[in-house]
Amino acid sequence: MRGFRNIVVHRYGKIDYRLVFSLLDEQLGDFSEFIGEVETFLREQV
């Protein structure tokens, strides 16, 4: 997903939406993992 950020930030409006969809489709697990980490952190703060 780091590479995805670089593509979005440095293309300045010239985004290949097929590439975006492909990256999100293939890397969706990264979002789930991130959400899990945030939830774990928040539970530990109580």
Protein backbone atom coordinates (compact mmCIF):
# COMPACT_ATOMS: atom_id res chain seq x y z
CA MET A 1 0.00 0.00 0.00
CA ARG A 2 2.98 2.33 0.39
CA GLY A 3 3.44 2.23 -3.35
CA PHE A 4 -0.23 3.09 -3.81
CA ARG A 5 0.20 6.27 -1.78
CA ASN A 6 3.16 7.30 -3.92
CA ILE A 7 1.18 6.77 -7.11
CA VAL A 8 -1.74 8.87 -5.85
CA VAL A 9 0.38 11.66 -4.36
CA HIS A 10 2.86 12.08 -7.17
CA ARG A 11 0.57 11.71 -10.19
CA TYR A 12 -1.29 14.99 -9.52
CA GLY A 13 -4.65 14.11 -11.05
CA LYS A 14 -3.30 11.66 -13.61
CA ILE A 15 -4.48 8.54 -11.82
CA ASP A 16 -5.05 5.30 -13.71
CA TYR A 17 -8.28 4.19 -12.05
CA ARG A 18 -7.86 0.64 -13.36
CA LEU A 19 -4.56 0.48 -11.48
CA VAL A 20 -6.18 1.94 -8.35
CA PHE A 21 -8.97 -0.64 -8.45
CA SER A 22 -6.49 -3.45 -9.03
CA LEU A 23 -4.28 -2.38 -6.12
CA LEU A 24 -7.22 -2.00 -3.77
CA ASP A 25 -8.72 -5.30 -4.86
CA GLU A 26 -5.44 -7.15 -4.32
CA GLN A 27 -4.34 -5.34 -1.16
CA LEU A 28 -7.65 -4.96 0.68
CA GLY A 29 -6.29 -7.15 3.47
CA ASP A 30 -3.93 -4.31 4.42
CA PHE A 31 -6.93 -2.20 5.45
CA SER A 32 -8.37 -5.02 7.57
CA GLU A 33 -5.01 -5.52 9.26
CA PHE A 34 -4.70 -1.79 9.95
CA ILE A 35 -8.21 -1.64 11.42
CA GLY A 36 -7.37 -4.62 13.67
CA GLU A 37 -4.23 -2.89 14.91
CA VAL A 38 -6.13 0.31 15.69
CA GLU A 39 -8.85 -1.63 17.54
CA THR A 40 -6.25 -3.50 19.58
CA PHE A 41 -4.50 -0.25 20.48
CA LEU A 42 -7.77 1.40 21.51
CA ARG A 43 -8.80 -1.56 23.69
CA GLU A 44 -5.46 -1.41 25.49
CA GLN A 45 -5.99 2.28 26.33
CA VAL A 46 -9.06 1.61 28.49
